[in-house]
C-alpha atoms as a PDB file:
ATOM      1  CA  MET A   1       5.077-180.961 105.556  1.00  0.00           C
ATOM      2  CA  PRO A   2       5.860-183.899 107.901  1.00  0.00           C
ATOM      3  CA  GLN A   3       4.377-186.292 105.337  1.00  0.00           C
ATOM      4  CA  ILE A   4       6.659-184.901 102.586  1.00  0.00           C
ATOM      5  CA  ALA A   5       9.658-185.716 104.779  1.00  0.00           C
ATOM      6  CA  GLU A   6       8.535-189.329 105.308  1.00  0.00           C
ATOM      7  CA  ARG A   7      10.503-192.140 103.688  1.00  0.00           C
ATOM      8  CA  HIS A   8       7.458-193.635 102.011  1.00  0.00           C
ATOM      9  CA  PHE A   9       5.770-190.483 100.762  1.00  0.00           C
ATOM     10  CA  ASN A  10       2.153-190.834  99.628  1.00  0.00           C
ATOM     11  CA  ALA A  11       1.125-187.862  97.504  1.00  0.00           C
ATOM     12  CA  ALA A  12      -2.609-188.670  97.695  1.00  0.00           C
ATOM     13  CA  GLU A  13      -2.614-188.804 101.506  1.00  0.00           C
ATOM     14  CA  ALA A  14      -0.590-185.577 101.721  1.00  0.00           C
ATOM     15  CA  ALA A  15      -2.973-183.801  99.324  1.00  0.00           C
ATOM     16  CA  VAL A  16      -6.069-184.896 101.277  1.00  0.00           C
ATOM     17  CA  ASN A  17      -4.464-183.941 104.562  1.00  0.00           C
ATOM     18  CA  ALA A  18      -3.362-180.521 103.250  1.00  0.00           C
ATOM     19  CA  GLY A  19      -6.768-179.852 101.666  1.00  0.00           C
ATOM     20  CA  LEU A  20      -8.698-180.644 104.830  1.00  0.00           C
ATOM     21  CA  THR A  21      -6.289-178.607 106.964  1.00  0.00           C
ATOM     22  CA  ALA A  22      -6.583-175.643 104.591  1.00  0.00           C
ATOM     23  CA  THR A  23     -10.389-175.966 104.673  1.00  0.00           C
ATOM     24  CA  PHE A  24     -10.322-175.986 108.473  1.00  0.00           C
ATOM     25  CA  ALA A  25      -8.015-172.950 108.541  1.00  0.00           C
ATOM     26  CA  LEU A  26     -10.243-171.019 106.124  1.00  0.00           C
ATOM     27  CA  LEU A  27     -13.412-171.828 108.038  1.00  0.00           C
ATOM     28  CA  MET A  28     -11.867-170.866 111.384  1.00  0.00           C
ATOM     29  CA  TRP A  29     -10.399-167.648 109.951  1.00  0.00           C
ATOM     30  CA  TYR A  30     -13.803-166.365 108.871  1.00  0.00           C
ATOM     31  CA  PHE A  31     -15.554-167.719 111.961  1.00  0.00           C
ATOM     32  CA  ASN A  32     -13.125-165.813 114.203  1.00  0.00           C
ATOM     33  CA  ILE A  33     -13.630-162.670 112.151  1.00  0.00           C
ATOM     34  CA  PHE A  34     -17.384-163.083 112.638  1.00  0.00           C
ATOM     35  CA  MET A  35     -16.907-163.585 116.391  1.00  0.00           C
ATOM     36  CA  MET A  36     -14.648-160.542 116.681  1.00  0.00           C
ATOM     37  CA  SER A  37     -17.172-158.327 114.908  1.00  0.00           C
ATOM     38  CA  ARG A  38     -19.877-159.071 117.463  1.00  0.00           C
ATOM     39  CA  PRO A  39     -20.096-156.449 120.258  1.00  0.00           C
ATOM     40  CA  ASN A  40     -19.052-157.503 123.764  1.00  0.00           C
ATOM     41  CA  LYS A  41     -21.709-157.682 126.444  1.00  0.00           C
ATOM     42  CA  GLY A  42     -20.985-155.997 129.740  1.00  0.00           C
ATOM     43  CA  LEU A  43     -17.546-154.619 130.513  1.00  0.00           C
ATOM     44  CA  LYS A  44     -15.025-154.567 127.732  1.00  0.00           C
ATOM     45  CA  GLN A  45     -12.126-156.990 128.342  1.00  0.00           C
ATOM     46  CA  SER A  46      -8.710-157.216 126.763  1.00  0.00           C
ATOM     47  CA  ILE A  47      -9.662-160.742 125.599  1.00  0.00           C
ATOM     48  CA  SER A  48     -13.216-162.056 125.405  1.00  0.00           C
ATOM     49  CA  TYR A  49     -12.996-165.509 126.972  1.00  0.00           C
ATOM     50  CA  SER A  50     -16.529-166.383 125.975  1.00  0.00           C
ATOM     51  CA  LYS A  51     -15.681-165.730 122.317  1.00  0.00           C
ATOM     52  CA  LEU A  52     -12.443-167.689 122.640  1.00  0.00           C
ATOM     53  CA  LEU A  53     -14.273-170.659 124.171  1.00  0.00           C
ATOM     54  CA  SER A  54     -16.938-170.516 121.475  1.00  0.00           C
ATOM     55  CA  SER A  55     -14.257-170.472 118.794  1.00  0.00           C
ATOM     56  CA  LEU A  56     -12.409-173.453 120.305  1.00  0.00           C
ATOM     57  CA  LEU A  57     -15.602-175.515 120.647  1.00  0.00           C
ATOM     58  CA  PHE A  58     -16.637-174.698 117.086  1.00  0.00           C
ATOM     59  CA  GLY A  59     -13.139-175.610 115.926  1.00  0.00           C
ATOM     60  CA  LEU A  60     -13.306-178.999 117.655  1.00  0.00           C
ATOM     61  CA  VAL A  61     -16.633-179.778 115.982  1.00  0.00           C
ATOM     62  CA  VAL A  62     -15.323-178.701 112.559  1.00  0.00           C
ATOM     63  CA  MET A  63     -12.124-180.725 112.983  1.00  0.00           C
ATOM     64  CA  LEU A  64     -14.136-183.806 113.970  1.00  0.00           C
ATOM     65  CA  GLY A  65     -16.283-183.386 110.869  1.00  0.00           C
ATOM     66  CA  LEU A  66     -13.224-182.986 108.627  1.00  0.00           C
ATOM     67  CA  ALA A  67     -11.528-185.952 110.291  1.00  0.00           C
ATOM     68  CA  TRP A  68     -14.601-188.060 109.542  1.00  0.00           C
ATOM     69  CA  ILE A  69     -14.435-186.930 105.858  1.00  0.00           C
ATOM     70  CA  GLN A  70     -10.740-187.815 105.814  1.00  0.00           C
ATOM     71  CA  GLN A  71     -11.515-191.272 107.205  1.00  0.00           C
ATOM     72  CA  LEU A  72     -14.061-191.773 104.402  1.00  0.00           C
ATOM     73  CA  ILE A  73     -11.535-190.787 101.744  1.00  0.00           C
ATOM     74  CA  LEU A  74      -8.592-192.675 103.238  1.00  0.00           C
ATOM     75  CA  ALA A  75     -10.442-195.716 104.592  1.00  0.00           C
ATOM     76  CA  HIS A  76      -7.295-197.876 104.704  1.00  0.00           C
ATOM     77  CA  ILE A  77      -5.765-195.742 107.450  1.00  0.00           C
ATOM     78  CA  ASN A  78      -6.468-196.569 111.107  1.00  0.00           C
ATOM     79  CA  PHE A  79      -7.347-193.041 112.153  1.00  0.00           C
ATOM     80  CA  GLY A  80      -8.135-193.732 115.824  1.00  0.00           C
ATOM     81  CA  PRO A  81      -4.581-193.372 117.232  1.00  0.00           C
ATOM     82  CA  VAL A  82      -3.928-190.054 115.447  1.00  0.00           C
ATOM     83  CA  MET A  83      -7.290-188.401 116.249  1.00  0.00           C
ATOM     84  CA  LEU A  84      -5.854-186.671 119.327  1.00  0.00           C
ATOM     85  CA  MET A  85      -3.049-185.141 117.251  1.00  0.00           C
ATOM     86  CA  VAL A  86      -5.562-183.938 114.680  1.00  0.00           C
ATOM     87  CA  GLU A  87      -7.610-182.159 117.360  1.00  0.00           C
ATOM     88  CA  VAL A  88      -4.484-180.655 118.958  1.00  0.00           C
ATOM     89  CA  ARG A  89      -3.447-179.378 115.542  1.00  0.00           C
ATOM     90  CA  GLY A  90      -6.886-177.790 115.091  1.00  0.00           C
ATOM     91  CA  ILE A  91      -6.743-176.141 118.525  1.00  0.00           C
ATOM     92  CA  LEU A  92      -3.287-174.700 117.817  1.00  0.00           C
ATOM     93  CA  ILE A  93      -4.339-173.338 114.433  1.00  0.00           C
ATOM     94  CA  ASN A  94      -7.450-171.856 115.988  1.00  0.00           C
ATOM     95  CA  LEU A  95      -5.515-170.223 118.845  1.00  0.00           C
ATOM     96  CA  VAL A  96      -2.996-168.679 116.450  1.00  0.00           C
ATOM     97  CA  PHE A  97      -5.778-167.261 114.294  1.00  0.00           C
ATOM     98  CA  TYR A  98      -7.739-165.963 117.267  1.00  0.00           C
ATOM     99  CA  MET A  99      -4.770-164.228 118.874  1.00  0.00           C
ATOM    100  CA  PHE A 100      -3.606-162.765 115.566  1.00  0.00           C
ATOM    101  CA  LEU A 101      -7.068-161.376 114.768  1.00  0.00           C
ATOM    102  CA  HIS A 102      -7.407-160.104 118.340  1.00  0.00           C
ATOM    103  CA  LEU A 103      -4.143-158.175 117.992  1.00  0.00           C
ATOM    104  CA  LEU A 104      -5.309-156.718 114.671  1.00  0.00           C
ATOM    105  CA  GLN A 105      -8.604-155.695 116.221  1.00  0.00           C
ATOM    106  CA  GLN A 106      -6.917-154.103 119.244  1.00  0.00           C
ATOM    107  CA  ASN A 107      -4.523-152.213 117.004  1.00  0.00           C
ATOM    108  CA  TYR A 108      -7.391-150.954 114.848  1.00  0.00           C
ATOM    109  CA  GLU A 109      -9.431-149.885 117.876  1.00  0.00           C
ATOM    110  CA  ASN A 110      -6.437-148.106 119.431  1.00  0.00           C
ATOM    111  CA  GLN A 111      -5.780-146.234 116.185  1.00  0.00           C
ATOM    112  CA  HIS A 112      -9.468-145.357 115.918  1.00  0.00           C
ATOM    113  CA  VAL A 113      -9.529-144.057 119.503  1.00  0.00           C
ATOM    114  CA  SER A 114      -6.336-142.041 118.920  1.00  0.00           C
ATOM    115  CA  MET A 115      -7.761-140.511 115.750  1.00  0.00           C
ATOM    116  CA  GLU A 116     -11.032-139.705 117.513  1.00  0.00           C
ATOM    117  CA  LEU A 117      -9.191-138.086 120.427  1.00  0.00           C
ATOM    118  CA  GLU A 118      -7.085-136.065 117.987  1.00  0.00           C
ATOM    119  CA  ARG A 119     -10.218-134.992 116.118  1.00  0.00           C
ATOM    120  CA  ILE A 120     -11.928-133.964 119.366  1.00  0.00           C
ATOM    121  CA  LYS A 121      -8.780-132.100 120.440  1.00  0.00           C
ATOM    122  CA  ASN A 122      -8.600-130.258 117.116  1.00  0.00           C
ATOM    123  CA  ASP A 123     -12.319-129.457 117.249  1.00  0.00           C
ATOM    124  CA  HIS A 124     -11.902-128.140 120.782  1.00  0.00           C
ATOM    125  CA  LEU A 125      -8.899-125.996 119.817  1.00  0.00           C
ATOM    126  CA  SER A 126     -10.719-124.667 116.760  1.00  0.00           C
ATOM    127  CA  ALA A 127     -13.804-123.833 118.801  1.00  0.00           C
ATOM    128  CA  GLN A 128     -11.657-122.226 121.493  1.00  0.00           C
ATOM    129  CA  TYR A 129      -9.783-120.197 118.904  1.00  0.00           C
ATOM    130  CA  GLU A 130     -13.007-119.054 117.243  1.00  0.00           C
ATOM    131  CA  LEU A 131     -14.226-117.865 120.638  1.00  0.00           C
ATOM    132  CA  LEU A 132     -10.976-115.979 121.104  1.00  0.00           C
ATOM    133  CA  LYS A 133     -11.400-114.284 117.729  1.00  0.00           C
ATOM    134  CA  GLN A 134     -14.989-113.323 118.570  1.00  0.00           C
ATOM    135  CA  GLN A 135     -13.981-111.500 121.751  1.00  0.00           C
ATOM    136  CA  VAL A 136     -14.969-107.814 121.562  1.00  0.00           C
ATOM    137  CA  ASN A 137     -15.014-105.520 124.562  1.00  0.00           C
ATOM    138  CA  PRO A 138     -18.532-104.065 124.794  1.00  0.00           C
ATOM    139  CA  HIS A 139     -17.346-101.360 127.221  1.00  0.00           C
ATOM    140  CA  PHE A 140     -15.363 -99.736 124.424  1.00  0.00           C
ATOM    141  CA  LEU A 141     -18.518 -99.376 122.327  1.00  0.00           C
ATOM    142  CA  PHE A 142     -20.463 -97.922 125.247  1.00  0.00           C
ATOM    143  CA  ASN A 143     -17.673 -95.450 126.054  1.00  0.00           C
ATOM    144  CA  SER A 144     -17.370 -94.470 122.378  1.00  0.00           C
ATOM    145  CA  LEU A 145     -21.104 -93.821 122.089  1.00  0.00           C
ATOM    146  CA  ASN A 146     -21.041 -91.753 125.277  1.00  0.00           C
ATOM    147  CA  THR A 147     -18.107 -89.737 123.897  1.00  0.00           C
ATOM    148  CA  LEU A 148     -19.954 -89.254 120.612  1.00  0.00           C
ATOM    149  CA  LYS A 149     -23.061 -88.098 122.502  1.00  0.00           C
ATOM    150  CA  ALA A 150     -21.010 -85.516 124.388  1.00  0.00           C
ATOM    151  CA  MET A 151     -19.333 -84.301 121.167  1.00  0.00           C
ATOM    152  CA  VAL A 152     -22.657 -83.914 119.371  1.00  0.00           C
ATOM    153  CA  GLU A 153     -24.229 -82.063 122.312  1.00  0.00           C
ATOM    154  CA  SER A 154     -21.267 -79.679 122.485  1.00  0.00           C
ATOM    155  CA  GLY A 155     -21.282 -79.129 118.726  1.00  0.00           C
ATOM    156  CA  ASP A 156     -17.751 -80.479 118.315  1.00  0.00           C
ATOM    157  CA  GLN A 157     -16.620 -80.170 114.689  1.00  0.00           C
ATOM    158  CA  GLU A 158     -14.795 -83.497 114.893  1.00  0.00           C
ATOM    159  CA  SER A 159     -17.961 -85.493 115.666  1.00  0.00           C
ATOM    160  CA  VAL A 160     -18.347 -86.425 111.971  1.00  0.00           C
ATOM    161  CA  ASP A 161     -14.756 -87.718 111.852  1.00  0.00           C
ATOM    162  CA  PHE A 162     -15.413 -89.578 115.071  1.00  0.00           C
ATOM    163  CA  ILE A 163     -18.439 -91.321 113.544  1.00  0.00           C
ATOM    164  CA  LEU A 164     -16.410 -92.274 110.450  1.00  0.00           C
ATOM    165  CA  LYS A 165     -13.531 -93.630 112.540  1.00  0.00           C
ATOM    166  CA  LEU A 166     -15.939 -95.562 114.748  1.00  0.00           C
ATOM    167  CA  SER A 167     -17.597 -96.989 111.643  1.00  0.00           C
ATOM    168  CA  ASN A 168     -14.201 -97.930 110.172  1.00  0.00           C
ATOM    169  CA  PHE A 169     -13.125 -99.550 113.418  1.00  0.00           C
ATOM    170  CA  TYR A 170     -16.136-101.855 113.542  1.00  0.00           C
ATOM    171  CA  ARG A 171     -15.827-102.562 109.840  1.00  0.00           C
ATOM    172  CA  PHE A 172     -12.271-103.710 110.567  1.00  0.00           C
ATOM    173  CA  THR A 173     -13.685-105.810 113.385  1.00  0.00           C
ATOM    174  CA  LEU A 174     -16.164-107.599 111.114  1.00  0.00           C
ATOM    175  CA  GLU A 175     -13.656-108.121 108.286  1.00  0.00           C
ATOM    176  CA  SER A 176     -10.726-109.263 110.444  1.00  0.00           C
ATOM    177  CA  ARG A 177     -12.845-111.616 112.542  1.00  0.00           C
ATOM    178  CA  LYS A 178     -12.788-114.107 109.651  1.00  0.00           C
ATOM    179  CA  LEU A 179      -8.969-114.153 109.518  1.00  0.00           C
ATOM    180  CA  ASP A 180      -6.368-115.891 111.655  1.00  0.00           C
ATOM    181  CA  LEU A 181      -3.606-113.438 110.726  1.00  0.00           C
ATOM    182  CA  ILE A 182      -3.271-110.057 109.065  1.00  0.00           C
ATOM    183  CA  HIS A 183      -0.244-107.899 108.211  1.00  0.00           C
ATOM    184  CA  VAL A 184       1.060-105.619 110.927  1.00  0.00           C
ATOM    185  CA  HIS A 185       0.469-102.533 108.753  1.00  0.00           C
ATOM    186  CA  GLU A 186      -3.231-103.533 108.570  1.00  0.00           C
ATOM    187  CA  GLU A 187      -3.266-103.961 112.342  1.00  0.00           C
ATOM    188  CA  MET A 188      -1.766-100.460 112.653  1.00  0.00           C
ATOM    189  CA  ASP A 189      -4.699 -99.099 110.621  1.00  0.00           C
ATOM    190  CA  ILE A 190      -7.052-100.667 113.168  1.00  0.00           C
ATOM    191  CA  LEU A 191      -4.967 -99.279 116.031  1.00  0.00           C
ATOM    192  CA  ASN A 192      -4.853 -95.761 114.570  1.00  0.00           C
ATOM    193  CA  ALA A 193      -8.641 -95.744 114.206  1.00  0.00           C
ATOM    194  CA  TYR A 194      -8.928 -96.879 117.840  1.00  0.00           C
ATOM    195  CA  LEU A 195      -6.439 -94.223 119.022  1.00  0.00           C
ATOM    196  CA  PHE A 196      -8.370 -91.487 117.212  1.00  0.00           C
ATOM    197  CA  LEU A 197     -11.502 -92.517 119.118  1.00  0.00           C
ATOM    198  CA  GLN A 198      -9.628 -92.563 122.423  1.00  0.00           C
ATOM    199  CA  LYS A 199      -8.024 -89.181 121.730  1.00  0.00           C
ATOM    200  CA  ALA A 200     -11.526 -87.719 121.421  1.00  0.00           C
ATOM    201  CA  ARG A 201     -12.240 -89.065 124.893  1.00  0.00           C
ATOM    202  CA  PHE A 202      -8.946 -88.435 126.731  1.00  0.00           C
ATOM    203  CA  ASP A 203      -7.509 -85.577 124.645  1.00  0.00           C
ATOM    204  CA  ASP A 204      -3.806 -85.290 125.630  1.00  0.00           C
ATOM    205  CA  GLY A 205      -4.128 -87.719 128.523  1.00  0.00           C
ATOM    206  CA  PHE A 206      -1.847 -90.168 126.692  1.00  0.00           C
ATOM    207  CA  THR A 207       0.817 -90.118 123.990  1.00  0.00           C
ATOM    208  CA  PHE A 208       1.555 -92.802 121.423  1.00  0.00           C
ATOM    209  CA  GLU A 209       4.730 -93.510 119.443  1.00  0.00           C
ATOM    210  CA  SER A 210       5.423 -96.245 116.887  1.00  0.00           C
ATOM    211  CA  THR A 211       8.876 -96.861 115.375  1.00  0.00           C
ATOM    212  CA  LEU A 212       8.186-100.133 113.564  1.00  0.00           C
ATOM    213  CA  SER A 213      10.270-100.622 110.438  1.00  0.00           C
ATOM    214  CA  LYS A 214       8.891-101.500 107.019  1.00  0.00           C
ATOM    215  CA  ALA A 215      10.090-105.087 107.517  1.00  0.00           C
ATOM    216  CA  ALA A 216       8.212-105.372 110.814  1.00  0.00           C
ATOM    217  CA  LEU A 217       5.066-103.903 109.268  1.00  0.00           C
ATOM    218  CA  GLY A 218       5.246-106.650 106.616  1.00  0.00           C
ATOM    219  CA  THR A 219       5.081-109.477 109.172  1.00  0.00           C
ATOM    220  CA  LEU A 220       1.847-111.087 110.365  1.00  0.00           C
ATOM    221  CA  ILE A 221      -0.106-110.745 113.571  1.00  0.00           C
ATOM    222  CA  PRO A 222      -3.444-112.021 114.947  1.00  0.00           C
ATOM    223  CA  PRO A 223      -6.123-109.354 114.348  1.00  0.00           C
ATOM    224  CA  PHE A 224      -6.671-106.785 117.122  1.00  0.00           C
ATOM    225  CA  THR A 225      -3.566-107.866 119.064  1.00  0.00           C
ATOM    226  CA  LEU A 226      -1.983-104.399 119.226  1.00  0.00           C
ATOM    227  CA  GLN A 227      -5.373-102.779 119.753  1.00  0.00           C
ATOM    228  CA  LEU A 228      -6.065-105.060 122.736  1.00  0.00           C
ATOM    229  CA  LEU A 229      -2.640-104.321 124.231  1.00  0.00           C
ATOM    230  CA  VAL A 230      -3.046-100.544 123.879  1.00  0.00           C
ATOM    231  CA  GLU A 231      -6.577-100.858 125.261  1.00  0.00           C
ATOM    232  CA  ASN A 232      -5.124-102.664 128.289  1.00  0.00           C
ATOM    233  CA  CYS A 233      -2.603 -99.853 128.775  1.00  0.00           C
ATOM    234  CA  ILE A 234      -5.377 -97.257 128.859  1.00  0.00           C
ATOM    235  CA  LYS A 235      -7.740 -99.426 130.873  1.00  0.00           C
ATOM    236  CA  HIS A 236      -5.376-100.299 133.742  1.00  0.00           C
ATOM    237  CA  ASN A 237      -3.409 -97.059 134.088  1.00  0.00           C
ATOM    238  CA  ILE A 238      -4.140 -93.461 135.023  1.00  0.00           C
ATOM    239  CA  VAL A 239      -4.757 -91.343 131.917  1.00  0.00           C
ATOM    240  CA  SER A 240      -4.859 -87.624 132.640  1.00  0.00           C
ATOM    241  CA  LEU A 241      -3.556 -84.258 131.441  1.00  0.00           C
ATOM    242  CA  GLU A 242      -1.577 -83.899 134.671  1.00  0.00           C
ATOM    243  CA  LYS A 243       0.026 -87.317 134.320  1.00  0.00           C
ATOM    244  CA  PRO A 244      -0.068 -88.423 130.669  1.00  0.00           C
ATOM    245  CA  LEU A 245       0.379 -92.089 129.876  1.00  0.00           C
ATOM    246  CA  HIS A 246       3.179 -92.799 127.365  1.00  0.00           C
ATOM    247  CA  ILE A 247       2.691 -95.807 125.085  1.00  0.00           C
ATOM    248  CA  ARG A 248       5.385 -97.007 122.688  1.00  0.00           C
ATOM    249  CA  ILE A 249       5.510 -99.720 120.028  1.00  0.00           C
ATOM    250  CA  TYR A 250       8.904-100.726 118.666  1.00  0.00           C
ATOM    251  CA  GLU A 251      10.809-103.805 117.507  1.00  0.00           C
ATOM    252  CA  GLU A 252      13.542-105.704 119.295  1.00  0.00           C
ATOM    253  CA  GLN A 253      15.241-108.965 118.237  1.00  0.00           C
ATOM    254  CA  ASP A 254      12.465-110.251 115.955  1.00  0.00           C
ATOM    255  CA  LYS A 255       9.790-109.171 118.399  1.00  0.00           C
ATOM    256  CA  ILE A 256       7.228-106.385 118.487  1.00  0.00           C
ATOM    257  CA  VAL A 257       7.301-104.664 121.885  1.00  0.00           C
ATOM    258  CA  VAL A 258       4.388-102.737 123.373  1.00  0.00           C
ATOM    259  CA  GLU A 259       5.556-100.643 126.332  1.00  0.00           C
ATOM    260  CA  ASN A 260       4.044 -98.218 128.819  1.00  0.00           C
ATOM    261  CA  GLN A 261       5.122 -96.773 132.137  1.00  0.00           C
ATOM    262  CA  ILE A 262       3.158 -98.116 135.074  1.00  0.00           C
ATOM    263  CA  GLN A 263       0.825 -95.656 136.795  1.00  0.00           C
ATOM    264  CA  GLN A 264      -1.738 -98.108 137.983  1.00  0.00           C
ATOM    265  CA  LYS A 265      -5.231 -97.078 138.919  1.00  0.00           C
ATOM    266  CA  LYS A 266      -6.291 -97.532 142.518  1.00  0.00           C
ATOM    267  CA  GLY A 267      -8.028-100.822 143.138  1.00  0.00           C
ATOM    268  CA  GLU A 268      -6.518-102.473 140.041  1.00  0.00           C
ATOM    269  CA  ASP A 269      -4.948-105.883 140.619  1.00  0.00           C
ATOM    270  CA  ASN A 270      -1.900-107.274 138.819  1.00  0.00           C
ATOM    271  CA  SER A 271      -3.650-110.169 137.106  1.00  0.00           C
ATOM    272  CA  LEU A 272      -3.056-110.684 133.397  1.00  0.00           C
ATOM    273  CA  GLY A 273      -6.738-110.328 132.568  1.00  0.00           C
ATOM    274  CA  VAL A 274      -8.741-111.743 129.682  1.00  0.00           C
ATOM    275  CA  GLY A 275      -7.035-109.630 127.013  1.00  0.00           C
ATOM    276  CA  LEU A 276      -3.465-110.883 127.593  1.00  0.00           C
ATOM    277  CA  LYS A 277      -4.610-114.471 128.060  1.00  0.00           C
ATOM    278  CA  ASN A 278      -6.510-114.164 124.794  1.00  0.00           C
ATOM    279  CA  ILE A 279      -3.395-112.981 122.932  1.00  0.00           C
ATOM    280  CA  ASP A 280      -1.154-115.618 124.525  1.00  0.00           C
ATOM    281  CA  LEU A 281      -3.582-118.400 123.588  1.00  0.00           C
ATOM    282  CA  ARG A 282      -3.761-117.169 120.013  1.00  0.00           C
ATOM    283  CA  TYR A 283       0.041-117.170 119.652  1.00  0.00           C
ATOM    284  CA  SER A 284       0.186-120.604 121.257  1.00  0.00           C
ATOM    285  CA  HIS A 285      -2.444-121.928 118.849  1.00  0.00           C
ATOM    286  CA  LEU A 286      -0.959-120.386 115.699  1.00  0.00           C
ATOM    287  CA  LEU A 287       2.789-120.457 116.356  1.00  0.00           C
ATOM    288  CA  ASP A 288       3.212-122.840 119.321  1.00  0.00           C
ATOM    289  CA  ARG A 289       5.004-119.993 121.120  1.00  0.00           C
ATOM    290  CA  HIS A 290       4.078-117.702 123.982  1.00  0.00           C
ATOM    291  CA  ILE A 291       4.269-113.960 124.376  1.00  0.00           C
ATOM    292  CA  GLU A 292       6.729-112.446 126.880  1.00  0.00           C
ATOM    293  CA  ILE A 293       5.344-110.371 129.754  1.00  0.00           C
ATOM    294  CA  ILE A 294       7.847-108.153 131.578  1.00  0.00           C
ATOM    295  CA  ASP A 295       6.825-106.116 134.631  1.00  0.00           C
ATOM    296  CA  ASP A 296       9.600-104.392 136.597  1.00  0.00           C
ATOM    297  CA  GLN A 297       7.107-102.283 138.594  1.00  0.00           C
ATOM    298  CA  LYS A 298       8.142 -99.209 136.581  1.00  0.00           C
ATOM    299  CA  VAL A 299       7.587-100.209 132.948  1.00  0.00           C
ATOM    300  CA  PHE A 300       5.247-102.857 131.564  1.00  0.00           C
ATOM    301  CA  ARG A 301       6.291-104.598 128.332  1.00  0.00           C
ATOM    302  CA  ILE A 302       4.691-107.196 126.109  1.00  0.00           C
ATOM    303  CA  LYS A 303       6.902-108.868 123.496  1.00  0.00           C
ATOM    304  CA  LEU A 304       5.218-110.505 120.510  1.00  0.00           C
ATOM    305  CA  PRO A 305       7.223-112.907 118.287  1.00  0.00           C
ATOM    306  CA  PHE A 306       7.394-111.997 114.608  1.00  0.00           C
ATOM    307  CA  ILE A 307       5.232-114.234 112.417  1.00  0.00           C
ATOM    308  CA  TYR A 308       6.655-114.466 108.915  1.00  0.00           C
ATOM    309  CA  GLU A 309       4.786-115.526 105.797  1.00  0.00           C
ATOM    310  CA  HIS A 310       6.671-118.844 105.519  1.00  0.00           C
ATOM    311  CA  HIS A 311       5.903-119.656 109.172  1.00  0.00           C
ATOM    312  CA  HIS A 312       2.221-119.104 108.476  1.00  0.00           C
ATOM    313  CA  HIS A 313       2.215-121.334 105.384  1.00  0.00           C
END
């Protein structure tokens, strides 16, 4: 470009100069790419000074070789005085290329690390969620089998129904385990099977009431959520004929509420326990929202946000 602006423009000299400069730029571009692709030894630095020095030295040698070729082509020019400028030009070109490629490499590596971290995070969340879905309380099975044993020994006529309900309950468990969400009316089928089994054990030691509307029953819910909440009610409170436990499920402001009066067993602490943490983590994973836990020392309530079909999709 400076030669084009000269008063006595020589097209041949400008073409030779531009060709050699372009050749130098092309060689240094691919040499720097080759240097960048080589793994760093030792600790990783923001800039590899050894690679930069190698690139500059290689560039000086290449520029000297191209300058010698230029001197052969343009023998009438006294090239000695301008040699320093030629080398400076080569160093500047080389530095620009090196820094530009370094920035590209850093940007690529940062994006790769971010994507890898996101993948690991997603894998961790998926694995955590699968573990949450696999959670089944073995004590319930043991208690159910003990109840069944007592019913069979006493000749209870409802033992056959108990076996069928127990079979249905664990069939629900196996089928729903594969799903993230099911309809609330399907969850109520699971809950009713569970309540039948518990009624055989506790008789009239607890009462249950559900007033969910048809619209609420058509929303979605993580499998076994209501069953886990009712199980917690029975597990942590006194259930007896003298002091029956009252459990209610109703809707309130786009939320499903599970409520029971507090008649805590002796020795029970007030921690949330695995069941509630499980449910809260599932809602956080699926809906990015948390459940509400209300304890006024008289009544214990859990509020679950409605999950609509369009939210799920």
